[in-house]
Amino acid sequence: MALKEKKIEDLKKGIKPYPDAVNKLKRFIEQQLLEQKNIIVNVSILADCLEIKDQSWRNAIEGYLDQQKFYLLVPQEFYKDALHIYENAKEEMHLYGAGLIDIAKLQESYHPNIKGNALAEEIESSNEDALLYANYLLQDVIKCESVDELNQYRTAITKTCMLYKNYVCRKLDPKRYSNPFIGSK
C-alpha cells in the first residue's frame, strides 16, 4: 500500500498523521508510566482535545497554533514523571520538538482574561486542561474581518490567515493549516 493510501486509510480510522516525535513520545510516556507506576495514564494530544466552533476560523486557528497544537497533556500528578521520562529518552529516541504542557503551573499562574472577539472564543473542549491552555494561547489574538483592522490591535488575525503581531503583518504559511488536526473529526 502506498504511503498516501495508508494515510487515507488511517484518517478513515481516526488516526491523524501527527509528527513522529509526538506519537513516539506519547506512546513512550504511557508505556513507561505503566511499567514504572503500574498505572494506565492517558496522554492526550492537544489538537485531539479541542473543537472549533466556527469552521470559517479553522485555518487561522490551525495556523496560529502551528506546532503548539501537537503538545501533550499529561494529568498534572504525572507531569514530573513524564518530564523525566522525556528528558532521559529525547536523545536516544530523537524526540525533538515535542512539548509537555505543565498544566499545574499554568493553573497556578494564569487567570483567564479573554478579550472580546478573541480567537479563543472559537475553541471549545470537554477537557478543562486543554481549554485552559488553548485560552492561554488564543485569548489575546483578536479576530478581524479585513486586513485594514489588524493594526488596531497588538495581535490580530483574519480568516485568510493574515497575522499582525509585534508591529508586523504577515501571511501564515499554508503548510501550517493545510492539513487540519484540531477536533475529533
N, C-alpha and C. Protein backbone atom coordinates (compact mmCIF):
# COMPACT_ATOMS: atom_id res chain seq x y z
N MET A 1 0.85 -1.18 0.00
CA MET A 1 0.00 0.00 0.00
C MET A 1 0.90 1.25 0.00
N ALA A 2 0.62 2.16 -0.88
CA ALA A 2 1.40 3.39 -0.99
C ALA A 2 1.19 4.26 0.25
N LEU A 3 2.15 5.11 0.51
CA LEU A 3 2.10 5.97 1.69
C LEU A 3 0.84 6.83 1.72
N LYS A 4 0.47 7.38 0.58
CA LYS A 4 -0.72 8.23 0.51
C LYS A 4 -1.98 7.44 0.84
N GLU A 5 -2.08 6.23 0.30
CA GLU A 5 -3.23 5.37 0.58
C GLU A 5 -3.29 4.98 2.06
N LYS A 6 -2.13 4.74 2.65
CA LYS A 6 -2.05 4.40 4.09
C LYS A 6 -2.56 5.56 4.92
N LYS A 7 -2.16 6.77 4.58
CA LYS A 7 -2.62 7.96 5.31
C LYS A 7 -4.13 8.11 5.21
N ILE A 8 -4.69 7.86 4.03
CA ILE A 8 -6.14 7.97 3.84
C ILE A 8 -6.85 6.91 4.68
N GLU A 9 -6.34 5.69 4.68
CA GLU A 9 -6.93 4.62 5.50
C GLU A 9 -6.86 4.97 6.98
N ASP A 10 -5.71 5.49 7.42
CA ASP A 10 -5.56 5.89 8.82
C ASP A 10 -6.54 6.99 9.19
N LEU A 11 -6.71 7.97 8.31
CA LEU A 11 -7.65 9.06 8.58
C LEU A 11 -9.08 8.54 8.72
N LYS A 12 -9.43 7.57 7.89
CA LYS A 12 -10.77 6.97 7.97
C LYS A 12 -10.97 6.28 9.33
N LYS A 13 -9.87 5.79 9.91
CA LYS A 13 -9.92 5.13 11.22
C LYS A 13 -9.77 6.14 12.37
N GLY A 14 -9.61 7.42 12.02
CA GLY A 14 -9.44 8.44 13.05
C GLY A 14 -8.01 8.62 13.51
N ILE A 15 -7.06 8.06 12.77
CA ILE A 15 -5.63 8.19 13.11
C ILE A 15 -5.05 9.33 12.30
N LYS A 16 -4.64 10.39 12.99
CA LYS A 16 -4.10 11.57 12.31
C LYS A 16 -2.60 11.44 12.14
N PRO A 17 -2.05 12.02 11.07
CA PRO A 17 -0.60 11.91 10.81
C PRO A 17 0.22 12.92 11.63
N TYR A 18 0.19 12.75 12.95
CA TYR A 18 0.97 13.64 13.80
C TYR A 18 2.46 13.45 13.55
N PRO A 19 3.26 14.47 13.87
CA PRO A 19 4.71 14.30 13.75
C PRO A 19 5.19 13.07 14.53
N ASP A 20 6.17 12.38 13.98
CA ASP A 20 6.68 11.15 14.61
C ASP A 20 7.08 11.36 16.07
N ALA A 21 7.76 12.45 16.36
CA ALA A 21 8.23 12.69 17.73
C ALA A 21 7.06 12.76 18.71
N VAL A 22 5.95 13.32 18.27
CA VAL A 22 4.77 13.45 19.14
C VAL A 22 4.18 12.06 19.42
N ASN A 23 3.97 11.27 18.38
CA ASN A 23 3.43 9.92 18.56
C ASN A 23 4.36 9.05 19.42
N LYS A 24 5.65 9.12 19.11
CA LYS A 24 6.62 8.31 19.87
C LYS A 24 6.63 8.70 21.34
N LEU A 25 6.67 10.01 21.60
CA LEU A 25 6.73 10.46 22.99
C LEU A 25 5.45 10.09 23.74
N LYS A 26 4.32 10.28 23.11
CA LYS A 26 3.03 9.92 23.73
C LYS A 26 3.04 8.45 24.15
N ARG A 27 3.35 7.58 23.20
CA ARG A 27 3.37 6.14 23.48
C ARG A 27 4.41 5.77 24.53
N PHE A 28 5.59 6.41 24.43
CA PHE A 28 6.68 6.08 25.35
C PHE A 28 6.34 6.49 26.79
N ILE A 29 5.77 7.66 26.96
CA ILE A 29 5.38 8.11 28.31
C ILE A 29 4.32 7.17 28.88
N GLU A 30 3.31 6.84 28.07
CA GLU A 30 2.26 5.92 28.54
C GLU A 30 2.85 4.57 28.94
N GLN A 31 3.76 4.07 28.11
CA GLN A 31 4.39 2.77 28.37
C GLN A 31 5.25 2.82 29.63
N GLN A 32 6.07 3.86 29.76
CA GLN A 32 6.95 3.96 30.91
C GLN A 32 6.18 4.16 32.21
N LEU A 33 5.12 4.96 32.18
CA LEU A 33 4.31 5.14 33.38
C LEU A 33 3.62 3.83 33.78
N LEU A 34 3.22 3.06 32.81
CA LEU A 34 2.63 1.76 33.10
C LEU A 34 3.67 0.85 33.75
N GLU A 35 4.88 0.83 33.19
CA GLU A 35 5.95 -0.02 33.74
C GLU A 35 6.42 0.47 35.11
N GLN A 36 6.59 1.79 35.26
CA GLN A 36 7.14 2.34 36.50
C GLN A 36 6.12 2.43 37.62
N LYS A 37 4.89 2.78 37.29
CA LYS A 37 3.87 3.05 38.31
C LYS A 37 2.76 2.01 38.33
N ASN A 38 2.76 1.14 37.32
CA ASN A 38 1.70 0.14 37.16
C ASN A 38 0.33 0.81 37.07
N ILE A 39 0.30 1.95 36.35
CA ILE A 39 -0.93 2.73 36.19
C ILE A 39 -1.09 3.07 34.71
N ILE A 40 -2.30 2.92 34.21
CA ILE A 40 -2.58 3.34 32.83
C ILE A 40 -2.87 4.83 32.87
N VAL A 41 -2.03 5.59 32.20
CA VAL A 41 -2.17 7.05 32.15
C VAL A 41 -2.46 7.45 30.71
N ASN A 42 -3.51 8.23 30.50
CA ASN A 42 -3.87 8.69 29.18
C ASN A 42 -3.14 10.01 28.89
N VAL A 43 -2.23 9.96 27.94
CA VAL A 43 -1.54 11.16 27.47
C VAL A 43 -2.29 11.62 26.23
N SER A 44 -2.70 12.89 26.22
CA SER A 44 -3.52 13.42 25.12
C SER A 44 -2.73 14.42 24.28
N ILE A 45 -3.06 14.46 23.01
CA ILE A 45 -2.51 15.48 22.12
C ILE A 45 -3.51 16.63 22.12
N LEU A 46 -3.03 17.84 22.33
CA LEU A 46 -3.91 19.00 22.47
C LEU A 46 -4.94 19.08 21.35
N ALA A 47 -4.52 18.90 20.11
CA ALA A 47 -5.44 19.00 18.96
C ALA A 47 -6.62 18.05 19.07
N ASP A 48 -6.40 16.89 19.66
CA ASP A 48 -7.49 15.91 19.81
C ASP A 48 -8.50 16.33 20.87
N CYS A 49 -8.10 17.22 21.75
CA CYS A 49 -8.97 17.63 22.86
C CYS A 49 -9.80 18.86 22.54
N LEU A 50 -9.52 19.52 21.43
CA LEU A 50 -10.18 20.77 21.10
C LEU A 50 -11.17 20.60 19.95
N GLU A 51 -12.15 21.47 19.92
CA GLU A 51 -13.08 21.56 18.79
C GLU A 51 -13.17 23.02 18.39
N ILE A 52 -13.40 23.26 17.12
CA ILE A 52 -13.54 24.62 16.60
C ILE A 52 -15.01 24.87 16.33
N LYS A 53 -15.54 25.91 16.93
CA LYS A 53 -16.97 26.23 16.81
C LYS A 53 -17.34 26.68 15.41
N ASP A 54 -16.67 27.70 14.92
CA ASP A 54 -16.96 28.28 13.60
C ASP A 54 -15.86 27.86 12.65
N GLN A 55 -16.19 26.95 11.73
CA GLN A 55 -15.19 26.39 10.81
C GLN A 55 -14.54 27.43 9.90
N SER A 56 -15.15 28.59 9.77
CA SER A 56 -14.54 29.62 8.92
C SER A 56 -13.26 30.17 9.57
N TRP A 57 -13.05 29.89 10.85
CA TRP A 57 -11.83 30.32 11.55
C TRP A 57 -10.82 29.18 11.68
N ARG A 58 -11.12 28.00 11.10
CA ARG A 58 -10.24 26.84 11.25
C ARG A 58 -8.80 27.13 10.82
N ASN A 59 -8.61 27.63 9.61
CA ASN A 59 -7.25 27.86 9.11
C ASN A 59 -6.49 28.83 10.00
N ALA A 60 -7.14 29.88 10.46
CA ALA A 60 -6.48 30.85 11.32
C ALA A 60 -6.04 30.21 12.64
N ILE A 61 -6.91 29.39 13.21
CA ILE A 61 -6.57 28.74 14.48
C ILE A 61 -5.46 27.71 14.28
N GLU A 62 -5.63 26.84 13.27
CA GLU A 62 -4.60 25.82 13.00
C GLU A 62 -3.26 26.49 12.69
N GLY A 63 -3.29 27.54 11.88
CA GLY A 63 -2.06 28.23 11.50
C GLY A 63 -1.41 28.96 12.65
N TYR A 64 -2.22 29.62 13.46
CA TYR A 64 -1.66 30.37 14.60
C TYR A 64 -1.05 29.42 15.63
N LEU A 65 -1.74 28.33 15.93
CA LEU A 65 -1.22 27.38 16.92
C LEU A 65 -0.02 26.60 16.38
N ASP A 66 0.01 26.35 15.10
CA ASP A 66 1.12 25.66 14.44
C ASP A 66 1.53 24.42 15.23
N GLN A 67 2.77 24.31 15.66
CA GLN A 67 3.27 23.13 16.36
C GLN A 67 2.70 22.98 17.77
N GLN A 68 2.20 24.06 18.34
CA GLN A 68 1.66 24.01 19.71
C GLN A 68 0.44 23.10 19.80
N LYS A 69 -0.26 22.92 18.69
CA LYS A 69 -1.44 22.05 18.71
C LYS A 69 -1.05 20.59 18.91
N PHE A 70 0.23 20.27 18.78
CA PHE A 70 0.72 18.91 18.96
C PHE A 70 1.27 18.67 20.36
N TYR A 71 1.23 19.66 21.23
CA TYR A 71 1.75 19.49 22.58
C TYR A 71 0.95 18.42 23.32
N LEU A 72 1.60 17.79 24.26
CA LEU A 72 0.99 16.70 25.02
C LEU A 72 0.48 17.17 26.37
N LEU A 73 -0.68 16.66 26.72
CA LEU A 73 -1.28 16.90 28.03
C LEU A 73 -1.19 15.61 28.84
N VAL A 74 -0.53 15.72 29.97
CA VAL A 74 -0.39 14.61 30.90
C VAL A 74 -1.13 15.03 32.17
N PRO A 75 -1.89 14.14 32.80
CA PRO A 75 -2.52 14.54 34.06
C PRO A 75 -1.46 15.15 34.99
N GLN A 76 -1.82 16.25 35.64
CA GLN A 76 -0.82 17.02 36.38
C GLN A 76 -0.05 16.21 37.42
N GLU A 77 -0.68 15.20 38.00
CA GLU A 77 0.03 14.41 39.01
C GLU A 77 1.15 13.55 38.41
N PHE A 78 1.17 13.42 37.07
CA PHE A 78 2.21 12.64 36.41
C PHE A 78 3.15 13.50 35.56
N TYR A 79 2.98 14.81 35.64
CA TYR A 79 3.79 15.71 34.80
C TYR A 79 5.29 15.53 35.05
N LYS A 80 5.71 15.56 36.31
CA LYS A 80 7.15 15.46 36.61
C LYS A 80 7.71 14.12 36.17
N ASP A 81 6.94 13.06 36.38
CA ASP A 81 7.39 11.74 35.91
C ASP A 81 7.55 11.76 34.39
N ALA A 82 6.56 12.31 33.70
CA ALA A 82 6.61 12.38 32.24
C ALA A 82 7.78 13.24 31.76
N LEU A 83 8.05 14.31 32.48
CA LEU A 83 9.16 15.19 32.13
C LEU A 83 10.49 14.45 32.22
N HIS A 84 10.67 13.68 33.27
CA HIS A 84 11.92 12.92 33.44
C HIS A 84 12.03 11.80 32.40
N ILE A 85 10.91 11.18 32.08
CA ILE A 85 10.91 10.16 31.02
C ILE A 85 11.35 10.80 29.70
N TYR A 86 10.80 11.96 29.41
CA TYR A 86 11.16 12.69 28.18
C TYR A 86 12.64 13.06 28.19
N GLU A 87 13.09 13.62 29.29
CA GLU A 87 14.50 14.05 29.42
C GLU A 87 15.45 12.88 29.17
N ASN A 88 15.14 11.74 29.72
CA ASN A 88 16.03 10.57 29.61
C ASN A 88 15.98 9.90 28.24
N ALA A 89 14.94 10.16 27.46
CA ALA A 89 14.79 9.46 26.19
C ALA A 89 14.99 10.34 24.96
N LYS A 90 15.05 11.64 25.13
CA LYS A 90 15.00 12.56 23.98
C LYS A 90 16.13 12.34 22.98
N GLU A 91 17.36 12.13 23.45
CA GLU A 91 18.50 11.97 22.53
C GLU A 91 18.42 10.63 21.80
N GLU A 92 18.26 9.59 22.58
CA GLU A 92 18.25 8.23 22.05
C GLU A 92 17.10 8.00 21.06
N MET A 93 15.95 8.58 21.35
CA MET A 93 14.77 8.36 20.52
C MET A 93 14.51 9.50 19.53
N HIS A 94 15.36 10.52 19.53
CA HIS A 94 15.22 11.67 18.64
C HIS A 94 13.86 12.34 18.80
N LEU A 95 13.54 12.69 20.02
CA LEU A 95 12.23 13.27 20.34
C LEU A 95 12.30 14.79 20.43
N TYR A 96 12.78 15.41 19.41
CA TYR A 96 12.93 16.86 19.41
C TYR A 96 11.63 17.53 18.96
N GLY A 97 11.31 18.62 19.62
CA GLY A 97 10.18 19.43 19.20
C GLY A 97 8.85 19.08 19.84
N ALA A 98 8.76 17.90 20.43
CA ALA A 98 7.51 17.54 21.13
C ALA A 98 7.47 18.36 22.43
N GLY A 99 6.27 18.71 22.88
CA GLY A 99 6.15 19.53 24.09
C GLY A 99 5.21 18.93 25.10
N LEU A 100 5.55 19.14 26.39
CA LEU A 100 4.69 18.71 27.50
C LEU A 100 4.13 19.96 28.17
N ILE A 101 2.84 20.03 28.30
CA ILE A 101 2.20 21.19 28.92
C ILE A 101 2.21 21.01 30.45
N ASP A 102 2.74 22.00 31.14
CA ASP A 102 2.77 22.00 32.61
C ASP A 102 1.47 22.63 33.11
N ILE A 103 0.43 21.83 33.16
CA ILE A 103 -0.90 22.35 33.45
C ILE A 103 -1.01 22.86 34.88
N ALA A 104 -0.33 22.23 35.83
CA ALA A 104 -0.39 22.68 37.23
C ALA A 104 0.18 24.10 37.36
N LYS A 105 1.30 24.35 36.72
CA LYS A 105 1.91 25.68 36.77
C LYS A 105 1.03 26.71 36.08
N LEU A 106 0.41 26.31 34.98
CA LEU A 106 -0.50 27.20 34.26
C LEU A 106 -1.70 27.54 35.13
N GLN A 107 -2.28 26.55 35.79
CA GLN A 107 -3.42 26.79 36.67
C GLN A 107 -3.06 27.73 37.81
N GLU A 108 -1.83 27.61 38.28
CA GLU A 108 -1.36 28.42 39.40
C GLU A 108 -1.13 29.88 39.00
N SER A 109 -0.65 30.11 37.80
CA SER A 109 -0.22 31.46 37.44
C SER A 109 -1.09 32.18 36.41
N TYR A 110 -1.93 31.46 35.70
CA TYR A 110 -2.72 32.06 34.63
C TYR A 110 -4.16 32.29 35.08
N HIS A 111 -4.63 33.50 34.85
CA HIS A 111 -6.00 33.85 35.16
C HIS A 111 -6.66 34.33 33.86
N PRO A 112 -7.55 33.52 33.31
CA PRO A 112 -8.15 33.85 32.00
C PRO A 112 -8.73 35.26 31.95
N ASN A 113 -8.38 35.94 30.89
CA ASN A 113 -8.89 37.28 30.63
C ASN A 113 -9.10 37.39 29.12
N ILE A 114 -10.05 36.62 28.63
CA ILE A 114 -10.27 36.55 27.18
C ILE A 114 -10.91 37.84 26.70
N LYS A 115 -10.23 38.46 25.78
CA LYS A 115 -10.73 39.72 25.21
C LYS A 115 -11.95 39.43 24.32
N GLY A 116 -12.81 40.42 24.21
CA GLY A 116 -13.95 40.30 23.31
C GLY A 116 -13.47 40.12 21.88
N ASN A 117 -14.09 39.22 21.16
CA ASN A 117 -13.75 38.93 19.77
C ASN A 117 -12.38 38.25 19.62
N ALA A 118 -11.92 37.58 20.68
CA ALA A 118 -10.64 36.87 20.62
C ALA A 118 -10.81 35.52 19.94
N LEU A 119 -9.75 35.03 19.36
CA LEU A 119 -9.76 33.73 18.69
C LEU A 119 -10.13 32.62 19.68
N ALA A 120 -9.85 32.81 20.96
CA ALA A 120 -10.20 31.83 21.99
C ALA A 120 -11.69 31.55 22.04
N GLU A 121 -12.50 32.51 21.62
CA GLU A 121 -13.96 32.31 21.61
C GLU A 121 -14.39 31.20 20.66
N GLU A 122 -13.54 30.84 19.73
CA GLU A 122 -13.88 29.83 18.71
C GLU A 122 -13.48 28.42 19.12
N ILE A 123 -12.95 28.26 20.33
CA ILE A 123 -12.49 26.96 20.80
C ILE A 123 -13.41 26.46 21.92
N GLU A 124 -13.68 25.17 21.88
CA GLU A 124 -14.40 24.54 22.98
C GLU A 124 -13.78 23.17 23.24
N SER A 125 -14.02 22.67 24.46
CA SER A 125 -13.47 21.37 24.82
C SER A 125 -14.15 20.85 26.07
N SER A 126 -14.29 19.55 26.14
CA SER A 126 -14.79 18.94 27.38
C SER A 126 -13.62 18.70 28.34
N ASN A 127 -12.39 18.86 27.85
CA ASN A 127 -11.20 18.71 28.67
C ASN A 127 -10.81 20.09 29.20
N GLU A 128 -11.01 20.31 30.48
CA GLU A 128 -10.77 21.62 31.09
C GLU A 128 -9.32 22.07 30.94
N ASP A 129 -8.38 21.14 31.06
CA ASP A 129 -6.97 21.49 30.94
C ASP A 129 -6.63 21.95 29.52
N ALA A 130 -7.16 21.25 28.54
CA ALA A 130 -6.93 21.62 27.14
C ALA A 130 -7.54 22.98 26.84
N LEU A 131 -8.74 23.22 27.34
CA LEU A 131 -9.39 24.51 27.12
C LEU A 131 -8.63 25.64 27.80
N LEU A 132 -8.13 25.39 29.00
CA LEU A 132 -7.35 26.40 29.71
C LEU A 132 -6.11 26.78 28.90
N TYR A 133 -5.40 25.77 28.40
CA TYR A 133 -4.18 26.05 27.62
C TYR A 133 -4.52 26.76 26.31
N ALA A 134 -5.56 26.33 25.62
CA ALA A 134 -5.96 26.99 24.37
C ALA A 134 -6.35 28.44 24.64
N ASN A 135 -7.08 28.68 25.72
CA ASN A 135 -7.43 30.06 26.08
C ASN A 135 -6.19 30.89 26.35
N TYR A 136 -5.24 30.30 27.03
CA TYR A 136 -3.96 30.98 27.32
C TYR A 136 -3.28 31.41 26.02
N LEU A 137 -3.26 30.53 25.04
CA LEU A 137 -2.59 30.82 23.77
C LEU A 137 -3.36 31.81 22.89
N LEU A 138 -4.68 31.76 22.95
CA LEU A 138 -5.51 32.49 21.98
C LEU A 138 -6.27 33.68 22.54
N GLN A 139 -6.20 33.94 23.84
CA GLN A 139 -7.02 34.97 24.46
C GLN A 139 -6.73 36.39 23.97
N ASP A 140 -5.53 36.64 23.49
CA ASP A 140 -5.15 37.99 23.07
C ASP A 140 -5.13 38.16 21.55
N VAL A 141 -5.49 37.13 20.82
CA VAL A 141 -5.48 37.18 19.35
C VAL A 141 -6.88 37.60 18.90
N ILE A 142 -6.98 38.81 18.37
CA ILE A 142 -8.28 39.37 18.00
C ILE A 142 -8.63 38.99 16.56
N LYS A 143 -9.88 38.59 16.39
CA LYS A 143 -10.38 38.22 15.05
C LYS A 143 -10.76 39.49 14.30
N CYS A 144 -10.26 39.61 13.08
CA CYS A 144 -10.58 40.77 12.24
C CYS A 144 -11.16 40.28 10.91
N GLU A 145 -12.09 41.06 10.39
CA GLU A 145 -12.71 40.70 9.11
C GLU A 145 -11.87 41.14 7.93
N SER A 146 -11.06 42.19 8.10
CA SER A 146 -10.22 42.65 6.98
C SER A 146 -8.84 43.06 7.50
N VAL A 147 -7.90 43.10 6.58
CA VAL A 147 -6.54 43.49 6.94
C VAL A 147 -6.47 44.94 7.42
N ASP A 148 -7.44 45.75 7.03
CA ASP A 148 -7.45 47.16 7.44
C ASP A 148 -7.62 47.32 8.95
N GLU A 149 -8.18 46.32 9.60
CA GLU A 149 -8.41 46.37 11.05
C GLU A 149 -7.22 45.86 11.87
N LEU A 150 -6.36 45.09 11.26
CA LEU A 150 -5.32 44.37 12.01
C LEU A 150 -4.48 45.24 12.93
N ASN A 151 -3.99 46.37 12.44
CA ASN A 151 -3.07 47.16 13.26
C ASN A 151 -3.75 47.97 14.36
N GLN A 152 -5.03 47.74 14.55
CA GLN A 152 -5.73 48.36 15.68
C GLN A 152 -5.51 47.57 16.96
N TYR A 153 -4.88 46.40 16.84
CA TYR A 153 -4.68 45.50 17.97
C TYR A 153 -3.22 45.08 18.06
N ARG A 154 -2.84 44.69 19.24
CA ARG A 154 -1.46 44.22 19.46
C ARG A 154 -1.21 42.93 18.67
N THR A 155 -2.19 41.99 18.73
CA THR A 155 -2.11 40.74 17.98
C THR A 155 -3.49 40.49 17.38
N ALA A 156 -3.53 40.28 16.07
CA ALA A 156 -4.81 40.08 15.39
C ALA A 156 -4.61 39.19 14.17
N ILE A 157 -5.73 38.60 13.73
CA ILE A 157 -5.66 37.67 12.60
C ILE A 157 -6.96 37.75 11.81
N THR A 158 -6.86 37.47 10.52
CA THR A 158 -8.05 37.39 9.67
C THR A 158 -8.32 35.92 9.33
N LYS A 159 -9.49 35.65 8.79
CA LYS A 159 -9.83 34.30 8.35
C LYS A 159 -8.91 33.84 7.22
N THR A 160 -8.33 34.81 6.51
CA THR A 160 -7.42 34.49 5.41
C THR A 160 -5.99 34.29 5.89
N CYS A 161 -5.81 34.25 7.21
CA CYS A 161 -4.52 33.96 7.85
C CYS A 161 -3.49 35.07 7.71
N MET A 162 -3.95 36.30 7.65
CA MET A 162 -3.04 37.43 7.76
C MET A 162 -2.91 37.72 9.25
N LEU A 163 -1.70 37.66 9.75
CA LEU A 163 -1.44 37.83 11.18
C LEU A 163 -0.69 39.13 11.41
N TYR A 164 -1.16 39.89 12.40
CA TYR A 164 -0.47 41.10 12.84
C TYR A 164 0.01 40.85 14.25
N LYS A 165 1.32 40.92 14.44
CA LYS A 165 1.91 40.68 15.77
C LYS A 165 3.26 41.37 15.83
N ASN A 166 3.55 42.01 16.94
CA ASN A 166 4.82 42.70 17.13
C ASN A 166 5.08 43.73 16.03
N TYR A 167 4.01 44.45 15.65
CA TYR A 167 4.06 45.52 14.65
C TYR A 167 4.44 45.04 13.25
N VAL A 168 4.20 43.75 13.00
CA VAL A 168 4.49 43.18 11.69
C VAL A 168 3.24 42.43 11.22
N CYS A 169 2.88 42.64 9.95
CA CYS A 169 1.78 41.89 9.36
C CYS A 169 2.40 40.90 8.38
N ARG A 170 1.94 39.65 8.46
CA ARG A 170 2.47 38.62 7.56
C ARG A 170 1.40 37.58 7.29
N LYS A 171 1.54 36.88 6.20
CA LYS A 171 0.65 35.78 5.82
C LYS A 171 1.24 34.50 6.41
N LEU A 172 0.42 33.76 7.16
CA LEU A 172 0.88 32.48 7.69
C LEU A 172 1.10 31.50 6.55
N ASP A 173 2.12 30.69 6.68
CA ASP A 173 2.44 29.68 5.68
C ASP A 173 1.30 28.65 5.63
N PRO A 174 0.73 28.41 4.47
CA PRO A 174 -0.37 27.43 4.35
C PRO A 174 0.00 26.03 4.85
N LYS A 175 1.29 25.70 4.90
CA LYS A 175 1.71 24.40 5.43
C LYS A 175 1.28 24.24 6.88
N ARG A 176 1.09 25.37 7.57
CA ARG A 176 0.71 25.33 8.98
C ARG A 176 -0.76 24.93 9.17
N TYR A 177 -1.57 25.06 8.12
CA TYR A 177 -3.00 24.77 8.28
C TYR A 177 -3.61 23.93 7.15
N SER A 178 -2.82 23.55 6.17
CA SER A 178 -3.39 22.81 5.03
C SER A 178 -3.90 21.42 5.43
N ASN A 179 -3.31 20.81 6.44
CA ASN A 179 -3.80 19.53 6.97
C ASN A 179 -4.41 19.81 8.34
N PRO A 180 -5.73 19.81 8.43
CA PRO A 180 -6.35 20.10 9.72
C PRO A 180 -6.15 18.97 10.73
N PHE A 181 -5.86 19.34 11.97
CA PHE A 181 -5.66 18.37 13.03
C PHE A 181 -6.63 18.57 14.19
N ILE A 182 -7.08 19.78 14.41
CA ILE A 182 -7.88 20.09 15.58
C ILE A 182 -9.28 19.50 15.44
N GLY A 183 -9.70 18.80 16.47
CA GLY A 183 -11.05 18.25 16.50
C GLY A 183 -11.08 16.74 16.40
N SER A 184 -12.18 16.19 16.79
CA SER A 184 -12.33 14.74 16.78
C SER A 184 -12.58 14.19 15.38
N LYS A 185 -12.97 15.04 14.43
CA LYS A 185 -13.24 14.59 13.08
C LYS A 185 -12.18 15.06 12.12
